[in-house]
PDB file of N, CA and C in Angstrom:
ATOM      1  N   MET A   1    -124.414   6.780 -50.562  1.00  0.00           N
ATOM      2  CA  MET A   1    -125.842   6.520 -50.531  1.00  0.00           C
ATOM      3  C   MET A   1    -126.573   7.860 -50.468  1.00  0.00           C
ATOM      4  N   ALA A   2    -127.598   8.019 -51.251  1.00  0.00           N
ATOM      5  CA  ALA A   2    -128.366   9.259 -51.295  1.00  0.00           C
ATOM      6  C   ALA A   2    -129.806   8.983 -50.861  1.00  0.00           C
ATOM      7  N   PHE A   3    -130.525  10.055 -50.529  1.00  0.00           N
ATOM      8  CA  PHE A   3    -131.918   9.933 -50.122  1.00  0.00           C
ATOM      9  C   PHE A   3    -132.771  10.893 -50.954  1.00  0.00           C
ATOM     10  N   PRO A   4    -134.063  10.566 -51.153  1.00  0.00           N
ATOM     11  CA  PRO A   4    -134.953  11.466 -51.876  1.00  0.00           C
ATOM     12  C   PRO A   4    -135.213  12.732 -51.041  1.00  0.00           C
ATOM     13  N   LEU A   5    -135.116  13.886 -51.692  1.00  0.00           N
ATOM     14  CA  LEU A   5    -135.318  15.174 -51.034  1.00  0.00           C
ATOM     15  C   LEU A   5    -136.312  15.984 -51.856  1.00  0.00           C
ATOM     16  N   PHE A   6    -137.299  16.567 -51.160  1.00  0.00           N
ATOM     17  CA  PHE A   6    -138.295  17.415 -51.795  1.00  0.00           C
ATOM     18  C   PHE A   6    -138.386  18.715 -51.005  1.00  0.00           C
ATOM     19  N   ILE A   7    -138.278  19.848 -51.703  1.00  0.00           N
ATOM     20  CA  ILE A   7    -138.407  21.154 -51.071  1.00  0.00           C
ATOM     21  C   ILE A   7    -139.508  21.911 -51.797  1.00  0.00           C
ATOM     22  N   PHE A   8    -140.489  22.404 -51.028  1.00  0.00           N
ATOM     23  CA  PHE A   8    -141.636  23.112 -51.586  1.00  0.00           C
ATOM     24  C   PHE A   8    -141.796  24.472 -50.927  1.00  0.00           C
ATOM     25  N   SER A   9    -142.274  25.454 -51.717  1.00  0.00           N
ATOM     26  CA  SER A   9    -142.786  26.701 -51.160  1.00  0.00           C
ATOM     27  C   SER A   9    -144.308  26.612 -51.287  1.00  0.00           C
ATOM     28  N   LEU A  10    -145.008  27.664 -50.932  1.00  0.00           N
ATOM     29  CA  LEU A  10    -146.467  27.628 -51.014  1.00  0.00           C
ATOM     30  C   LEU A  10    -146.964  27.440 -52.439  1.00  0.00           C
ATOM     31  N   ASP A  11    -146.232  27.936 -53.417  1.00  0.00           N
ATOM     32  CA  ASP A  11    -146.756  27.925 -54.774  1.00  0.00           C
ATOM     33  C   ASP A  11    -145.983  27.056 -55.773  1.00  0.00           C
ATOM     34  N   ARG A  12    -144.876  26.428 -55.347  1.00  0.00           N
ATOM     35  CA  ARG A  12    -144.131  25.632 -56.325  1.00  0.00           C
ATOM     36  C   ARG A  12    -143.155  24.661 -55.662  1.00  0.00           C
ATOM     37  N   GLU A  13    -142.708  23.732 -56.470  1.00  0.00           N
ATOM     38  CA  GLU A  13    -141.665  22.798 -56.047  1.00  0.00           C
ATOM     39  C   GLU A  13    -140.316  23.441 -56.349  1.00  0.00           C
ATOM     40  N   LEU A  14    -139.460  23.523 -55.340  1.00  0.00           N
ATOM     41  CA  LEU A  14    -138.152  24.158 -55.503  1.00  0.00           C
ATOM     42  C   LEU A  14    -137.045  23.154 -55.785  1.00  0.00           C
ATOM     43  N   PHE A  15    -137.196  21.950 -55.278  1.00  0.00           N
ATOM     44  CA  PHE A  15    -136.186  20.912 -55.492  1.00  0.00           C
ATOM     45  C   PHE A  15    -136.845  19.551 -55.354  1.00  0.00           C
ATOM     46  N   ALA A  16    -136.509  18.655 -56.260  1.00  0.00           N
ATOM     47  CA  ALA A  16    -136.918  17.254 -56.158  1.00  0.00           C
ATOM     48  C   ALA A  16    -135.790  16.429 -56.753  1.00  0.00           C
ATOM     49  N   GLY A  17    -135.170  15.621 -55.927  1.00  0.00           N
ATOM     50  CA  GLY A  17    -134.063  14.813 -56.413  1.00  0.00           C
ATOM     51  C   GLY A  17    -133.405  14.049 -55.285  1.00  0.00           C
ATOM     52  N   LYS A  18    -132.241  13.513 -55.571  1.00  0.00           N
ATOM     53  CA  LYS A  18    -131.480  12.747 -54.581  1.00  0.00           C
ATOM     54  C   LYS A  18    -130.396  13.629 -53.979  1.00  0.00           C
ATOM     55  N   ALA A  19    -130.218  13.514 -52.671  1.00  0.00           N
ATOM     56  CA  ALA A  19    -129.200  14.295 -51.968  1.00  0.00           C
ATOM     57  C   ALA A  19    -128.346  13.378 -51.109  1.00  0.00           C
ATOM     58  N   ASN A  20    -127.065  13.704 -51.019  1.00  0.00           N
ATOM     59  CA  ASN A  20    -126.163  12.999 -50.104  1.00  0.00           C
ATOM     60  C   ASN A  20    -126.267  13.570 -48.705  1.00  0.00           C
ATOM     61  N   THR A  21    -126.411  14.907 -48.619  1.00  0.00           N
ATOM     62  CA  THR A  21    -126.607  15.596 -47.343  1.00  0.00           C
ATOM     63  C   THR A  21    -127.437  16.849 -47.584  1.00  0.00           C
ATOM     64  N   ILE A  22    -128.051  17.320 -46.507  1.00  0.00           N
ATOM     65  CA  ILE A  22    -128.713  18.612 -46.526  1.00  0.00           C
ATOM     66  C   ILE A  22    -128.456  19.267 -45.176  1.00  0.00           C
ATOM     67  N   SER A  23    -128.112  20.541 -45.206  1.00  0.00           N
ATOM     68  CA  SER A  23    -127.873  21.312 -43.996  1.00  0.00           C
ATOM     69  C   SER A  23    -128.978  22.360 -43.898  1.00  0.00           C
ATOM     70  N   LEU A  24    -129.658  22.383 -42.751  1.00  0.00           N
ATOM     71  CA  LEU A  24    -130.832  23.238 -42.562  1.00  0.00           C
ATOM     72  C   LEU A  24    -130.623  24.207 -41.402  1.00  0.00           C
ATOM     73  N   PRO A  25    -131.202  25.421 -41.494  1.00  0.00           N
ATOM     74  CA  PRO A  25    -131.133  26.360 -40.371  1.00  0.00           C
ATOM     75  C   PRO A  25    -132.238  26.054 -39.352  1.00  0.00           C
ATOM     76  N   GLY A  26    -131.994  25.118 -38.472  1.00  0.00           N
ATOM     77  CA  GLY A  26    -132.980  24.730 -37.468  1.00  0.00           C
ATOM     78  C   GLY A  26    -133.230  25.833 -36.450  1.00  0.00           C
ATOM     79  N   ALA A  27    -134.356  25.775 -35.779  1.00  0.00           N
ATOM     80  CA  ALA A  27    -134.721  26.785 -34.786  1.00  0.00           C
ATOM     81  C   ALA A  27    -133.684  26.901 -33.674  1.00  0.00           C
ATOM     82  N   ASP A  28    -132.991  25.792 -33.350  1.00  0.00           N
ATOM     83  CA  ASP A  28    -131.990  25.790 -32.281  1.00  0.00           C
ATOM     84  C   ASP A  28    -130.561  25.634 -32.799  1.00  0.00           C
ATOM     85  N   GLY A  29    -130.362  25.842 -34.095  1.00  0.00           N
ATOM     86  CA  GLY A  29    -129.037  25.705 -34.689  1.00  0.00           C
ATOM     87  C   GLY A  29    -129.084  24.882 -35.962  1.00  0.00           C
ATOM     88  N   ARG A  30    -127.959  24.770 -36.635  1.00  0.00           N
ATOM     89  CA  ARG A  30    -127.905  24.046 -37.907  1.00  0.00           C
ATOM     90  C   ARG A  30    -128.132  22.554 -37.698  1.00  0.00           C
ATOM     91  N   ILE A  31    -128.841  21.958 -38.646  1.00  0.00           N
ATOM     92  CA  ILE A  31    -129.133  20.526 -38.636  1.00  0.00           C
ATOM     93  C   ILE A  31    -128.530  19.923 -39.896  1.00  0.00           C
ATOM     94  N   GLN A  32    -127.745  18.886 -39.737  1.00  0.00           N
ATOM     95  CA  GLN A  32    -127.145  18.176 -40.875  1.00  0.00           C
ATOM     96  C   GLN A  32    -127.866  16.842 -41.022  1.00  0.00           C
ATOM     97  N   ILE A  33    -128.493  16.626 -42.174  1.00  0.00           N
ATOM     98  CA  ILE A  33    -129.215  15.385 -42.433  1.00  0.00           C
ATOM     99  C   ILE A  33    -128.372  14.526 -43.378  1.00  0.00           C
ATOM    100  N   LEU A  34    -128.139  13.297 -42.975  1.00  0.00           N
ATOM    101  CA  LEU A  34    -127.393  12.318 -43.762  1.00  0.00           C
ATOM    102  C   LEU A  34    -128.304  11.129 -44.053  1.00  0.00           C
ATOM    103  N   PRO A  35    -127.943  10.253 -44.983  1.00  0.00           N
ATOM    104  CA  PRO A  35    -128.750   9.053 -45.215  1.00  0.00           C
ATOM    105  C   PRO A  35    -128.949   8.261 -43.915  1.00  0.00           C
ATOM    106  N   ASN A  36    -130.116   7.663 -43.792  1.00  0.00           N
ATOM    107  CA  ASN A  36    -130.497   6.850 -42.628  1.00  0.00           C
ATOM    108  C   ASN A  36    -130.595   7.659 -41.337  1.00  0.00           C
ATOM    109  N   HIS A  37    -130.874   8.954 -41.458  1.00  0.00           N
ATOM    110  CA  HIS A  37    -131.052   9.811 -40.280  1.00  0.00           C
ATOM    111  C   HIS A  37    -132.300   9.370 -39.514  1.00  0.00           C
ATOM    112  N   ALA A  38    -132.298   9.544 -38.223  1.00  0.00           N
ATOM    113  CA  ALA A  38    -133.461   9.231 -37.403  1.00  0.00           C
ATOM    114  C   ALA A  38    -134.631  10.134 -37.802  1.00  0.00           C
ATOM    115  N   PRO A  39    -135.876   9.660 -37.678  1.00  0.00           N
ATOM    116  CA  PRO A  39    -137.031  10.498 -37.980  1.00  0.00           C
ATOM    117  C   PRO A  39    -136.998  11.780 -37.149  1.00  0.00           C
ATOM    118  N   LEU A  40    -137.444  12.883 -37.781  1.00  0.00           N
ATOM    119  CA  LEU A  40    -137.323  14.192 -37.141  1.00  0.00           C
ATOM    120  C   LEU A  40    -138.312  15.153 -37.772  1.00  0.00           C
ATOM    121  N   ILE A  41    -138.888  16.028 -36.959  1.00  0.00           N
ATOM    122  CA  ILE A  41    -139.655  17.179 -37.434  1.00  0.00           C
ATOM    123  C   ILE A  41    -139.059  18.386 -36.739  1.00  0.00           C
ATOM    124  N   SER A  42    -138.728  19.439 -37.530  1.00  0.00           N
ATOM    125  CA  SER A  42    -138.091  20.613 -36.954  1.00  0.00           C
ATOM    126  C   SER A  42    -138.584  21.885 -37.621  1.00  0.00           C
ATOM    127  N   LEU A  43    -138.771  22.921 -36.813  1.00  0.00           N
ATOM    128  CA  LEU A  43    -139.018  24.251 -37.361  1.00  0.00           C
ATOM    129  C   LEU A  43    -137.709  24.794 -37.905  1.00  0.00           C
ATOM    130  N   LEU A  44    -137.806  25.599 -38.949  1.00  0.00           N
ATOM    131  CA  LEU A  44    -136.632  26.221 -39.544  1.00  0.00           C
ATOM    132  C   LEU A  44    -136.725  27.727 -39.379  1.00  0.00           C
ATOM    133  N   LYS A  45    -135.575  28.364 -39.171  1.00  0.00           N
ATOM    134  CA  LYS A  45    -135.540  29.818 -39.053  1.00  0.00           C
ATOM    135  C   LYS A  45    -134.890  30.401 -40.305  1.00  0.00           C
ATOM    136  N   GLU A  46    -134.795  31.709 -40.352  1.00  0.00           N
ATOM    137  CA  GLU A  46    -134.173  32.376 -41.488  1.00  0.00           C
ATOM    138  C   GLU A  46    -132.728  31.918 -41.625  1.00  0.00           C
ATOM    139  N   GLY A  47    -132.348  31.636 -42.854  1.00  0.00           N
ATOM    140  CA  GLY A  47    -130.981  31.185 -43.110  1.00  0.00           C
ATOM    141  C   GLY A  47    -130.871  30.581 -44.486  1.00  0.00           C
ATOM    142  N   GLU A  48    -129.986  29.620 -44.613  1.00  0.00           N
ATOM    143  CA  GLU A  48    -129.699  29.039 -45.913  1.00  0.00           C
ATOM    144  C   GLU A  48    -129.726  27.522 -45.837  1.00  0.00           C
ATOM    145  N   ILE A  49    -130.419  26.909 -46.782  1.00  0.00           N
ATOM    146  CA  ILE A  49    -130.385  25.461 -46.943  1.00  0.00           C
ATOM    147  C   ILE A  49    -129.240  25.150 -47.898  1.00  0.00           C
ATOM    148  N   VAL A  50    -128.415  24.178 -47.534  1.00  0.00           N
ATOM    149  CA  VAL A  50    -127.314  23.755 -48.407  1.00  0.00           C
ATOM    150  C   VAL A  50    -127.527  22.283 -48.747  1.00  0.00           C
ATOM    151  N   ILE A  51    -127.636  22.013 -50.046  1.00  0.00           N
ATOM    152  CA  ILE A  51    -127.899  20.658 -50.541  1.00  0.00           C
ATOM    153  C   ILE A  51    -126.670  20.147 -51.261  1.00  0.00           C
ATOM    154  N   GLU A  52    -126.190  18.997 -50.853  1.00  0.00           N
ATOM    155  CA  GLU A  52    -125.137  18.302 -51.588  1.00  0.00           C
ATOM    156  C   GLU A  52    -125.830  17.201 -52.369  1.00  0.00           C
ATOM    157  N   GLN A  53    -125.939  17.378 -53.675  1.00  0.00           N
ATOM    158  CA  GLN A  53    -126.686  16.456 -54.522  1.00  0.00           C
ATOM    159  C   GLN A  53    -125.912  15.171 -54.782  1.00  0.00           C
ATOM    160  N   GLU A  54    -126.637  14.152 -55.185  1.00  0.00           N
ATOM    161  CA  GLU A  54    -126.034  12.849 -55.492  1.00  0.00           C
ATOM    162  C   GLU A  54    -124.966  12.988 -56.582  1.00  0.00           C
ATOM    163  N   SER A  55    -125.169  13.930 -57.495  1.00  0.00           N
ATOM    164  CA  SER A  55    -124.227  14.157 -58.595  1.00  0.00           C
ATOM    165  C   SER A  55    -122.923  14.806 -58.133  1.00  0.00           C
ATOM    166  N   GLY A  56    -122.896  15.292 -56.884  1.00  0.00           N
ATOM    167  CA  GLY A  56    -121.723  15.983 -56.366  1.00  0.00           C
ATOM    168  C   GLY A  56    -121.862  17.492 -56.410  1.00  0.00           C
ATOM    169  N   ASP A  57    -122.871  17.982 -57.144  1.00  0.00           N
ATOM    170  CA  ASP A  57    -123.130  19.420 -57.184  1.00  0.00           C
ATOM    171  C   ASP A  57    -123.682  19.883 -55.844  1.00  0.00           C
ATOM    172  N   SER A  58    -123.458  21.164 -55.548  1.00  0.00           N
ATOM    173  CA  SER A  58    -123.966  21.764 -54.323  1.00  0.00           C
ATOM    174  C   SER A  58    -124.911  22.900 -54.695  1.00  0.00           C
ATOM    175  N   GLN A  59    -125.982  23.045 -53.932  1.00  0.00           N
ATOM    176  CA  GLN A  59    -126.964  24.090 -54.196  1.00  0.00           C
ATOM    177  C   GLN A  59    -127.313  24.776 -52.883  1.00  0.00           C
ATOM    178  N   LYS A  60    -127.454  26.113 -52.912  1.00  0.00           N
ATOM    179  CA  LYS A  60    -127.822  26.884 -51.726  1.00  0.00           C
ATOM    180  C   LYS A  60    -129.160  27.577 -51.969  1.00  0.00           C
ATOM    181  N   LEU A  61    -129.990  27.609 -50.933  1.00  0.00           N
ATOM    182  CA  LEU A  61    -131.317  28.192 -51.043  1.00  0.00           C
ATOM    183  C   LEU A  61    -131.589  29.040 -49.807  1.00  0.00           C
ATOM    184  N   PRO A  62    -131.644  30.379 -49.942  1.00  0.00           N
ATOM    185  CA  PRO A  62    -131.957  31.216 -48.790  1.00  0.00           C
ATOM    186  C   PRO A  62    -133.458  31.121 -48.468  1.00  0.00           C
ATOM    187  N   ILE A  63    -133.780  31.049 -47.174  1.00  0.00           N
ATOM    188  CA  ILE A  63    -135.184  30.967 -46.752  1.00  0.00           C
ATOM    189  C   ILE A  63    -135.433  31.913 -45.578  1.00  0.00           C
ATOM    190  N   GLU A  64    -136.701  32.211 -45.339  1.00  0.00           N
ATOM    191  CA  GLU A  64    -137.091  33.002 -44.167  1.00  0.00           C
ATOM    192  C   GLU A  64    -137.575  32.117 -43.025  1.00  0.00           C
ATOM    193  N   GLY A  65    -137.890  30.871 -43.330  1.00  0.00           N
ATOM    194  CA  GLY A  65    -138.351  29.942 -42.308  1.00  0.00           C
ATOM    195  C   GLY A  65    -139.053  28.770 -42.956  1.00  0.00           C
ATOM    196  N   GLY A  66    -139.554  27.861 -42.115  1.00  0.00           N
ATOM    197  CA  GLY A  66    -140.275  26.711 -42.639  1.00  0.00           C
ATOM    198  C   GLY A  66    -140.288  25.563 -41.655  1.00  0.00           C
ATOM    199  N   VAL A  67    -140.483  24.373 -42.194  1.00  0.00           N
ATOM    200  CA  VAL A  67    -140.512  23.160 -41.387  1.00  0.00           C
ATOM    201  C   VAL A  67    -139.908  22.017 -42.217  1.00  0.00           C
ATOM    202  N   ALA A  68    -139.206  21.116 -41.545  1.00  0.00           N
ATOM    203  CA  ALA A  68    -138.611  19.961 -42.209  1.00  0.00           C
ATOM    204  C   ALA A  68    -139.100  18.683 -41.537  1.00  0.00           C
ATOM    205  N   GLU A  69    -139.372  17.675 -42.367  1.00  0.00           N
ATOM    206  CA  GLU A  69    -139.747  16.359 -41.854  1.00  0.00           C
ATOM    207  C   GLU A  69    -138.798  15.333 -42.455  1.00  0.00           C
ATOM    208  N   VAL A  70    -138.136  14.600 -41.591  1.00  0.00           N
ATOM    209  CA  VAL A  70    -137.236  13.528 -42.009  1.00  0.00           C
ATOM    210  C   VAL A  70    -137.925  12.217 -41.688  1.00  0.00           C
ATOM    211  N   ARG A  71    -138.141  11.420 -42.733  1.00  0.00           N
ATOM    212  CA  ARG A  71    -138.714  10.087 -42.554  1.00  0.00           C
ATOM    213  C   ARG A  71    -137.651   9.076 -42.917  1.00  0.00           C
ATOM    214  N   GLU A  72    -137.936   7.825 -42.674  1.00  0.00           N
ATOM    215  CA  GLU A  72    -136.972   6.772 -43.003  1.00  0.00           C
ATOM    216  C   GLU A  72    -136.656   6.743 -44.491  1.00  0.00           C
ATOM    217  N   GLU A  73    -137.662   7.050 -45.330  1.00  0.00           N
ATOM    218  CA  GLU A  73    -137.453   6.902 -46.761  1.00  0.00           C
ATOM    219  C   GLU A  73    -137.256   8.203 -47.529  1.00  0.00           C
ATOM    220  N   LYS A  74    -137.495   9.382 -46.913  1.00  0.00           N
ATOM    221  CA  LYS A  74    -137.320  10.649 -47.628  1.00  0.00           C
ATOM    222  C   LYS A  74    -137.303  11.839 -46.672  1.00  0.00           C
ATOM    223  N   VAL A  75    -136.926  12.993 -47.230  1.00  0.00           N
ATOM    224  CA  VAL A  75    -136.921  14.252 -46.483  1.00  0.00           C
ATOM    225  C   VAL A  75    -137.800  15.238 -47.248  1.00  0.00           C
ATOM    226  N   VAL A  76    -138.736  15.878 -46.533  1.00  0.00           N
ATOM    227  CA  VAL A  76    -139.614  16.879 -47.121  1.00  0.00           C
ATOM    228  C   VAL A  76    -139.434  18.183 -46.346  1.00  0.00           C
ATOM    229  N   VAL A  77    -139.194  19.278 -47.077  1.00  0.00           N
ATOM    230  CA  VAL A  77    -138.993  20.580 -46.465  1.00  0.00           C
ATOM    231  C   VAL A  77    -139.993  21.557 -47.055  1.00  0.00           C
ATOM    232  N   LEU A  78    -140.721  22.258 -46.200  1.00  0.00           N
ATOM    233  CA  LEU A  78    -141.671  23.296 -46.625  1.00  0.00           C
ATOM    234  C   LEU A  78    -141.084  24.623 -46.179  1.00  0.00           C
ATOM    235  N   VAL A  79    -140.916  25.570 -47.116  1.00  0.00           N
ATOM    236  CA  VAL A  79    -140.248  26.825 -46.796  1.00  0.00           C
ATOM    237  C   VAL A  79    -141.086  28.026 -47.225  1.00  0.00           C
ATOM    238  N   HIS A  80    -140.753  29.179 -46.633  1.00  0.00           N
ATOM    239  CA  HIS A  80    -141.298  30.436 -47.130  1.00  0.00           C
ATOM    240  C   HIS A  80    -140.154  31.429 -47.257  1.00  0.00           C
ATOM    241  N   PHE A  81    -140.356  32.374 -48.174  1.00  0.00           N
ATOM    242  CA  PHE A  81    -139.324  33.366 -48.489  1.00  0.00           C
ATOM    243  C   PHE A  81    -139.682  34.706 -47.904  1.00  0.00           C
TER     244      PHE A  81
END
C-alpha cells in the first residue's frame, strides 16, 4: 500500500507521487513514515530524505531543514536547501 507524497521547496515542487515509505531527518532523530501513519507535524534538520517509491525505486534528497506534515490521506514536506 502506498500513500501520496508531496515535497516542495520555496520555489518548486521537488516530488509528487506515491511512496511506500519515507525516511526524514527529524529534529530529534530519523522518522520513518509508513502507510496509515498517525497524524504528525515535525521540524526537520539537515540531512537526507529517503523515498521508497511505489514503483520500487528509491530516491534521496539532501536538505538543510524544513517541516513535515503527515495526515491520514497524504504526506506534505516543505524543505529548504
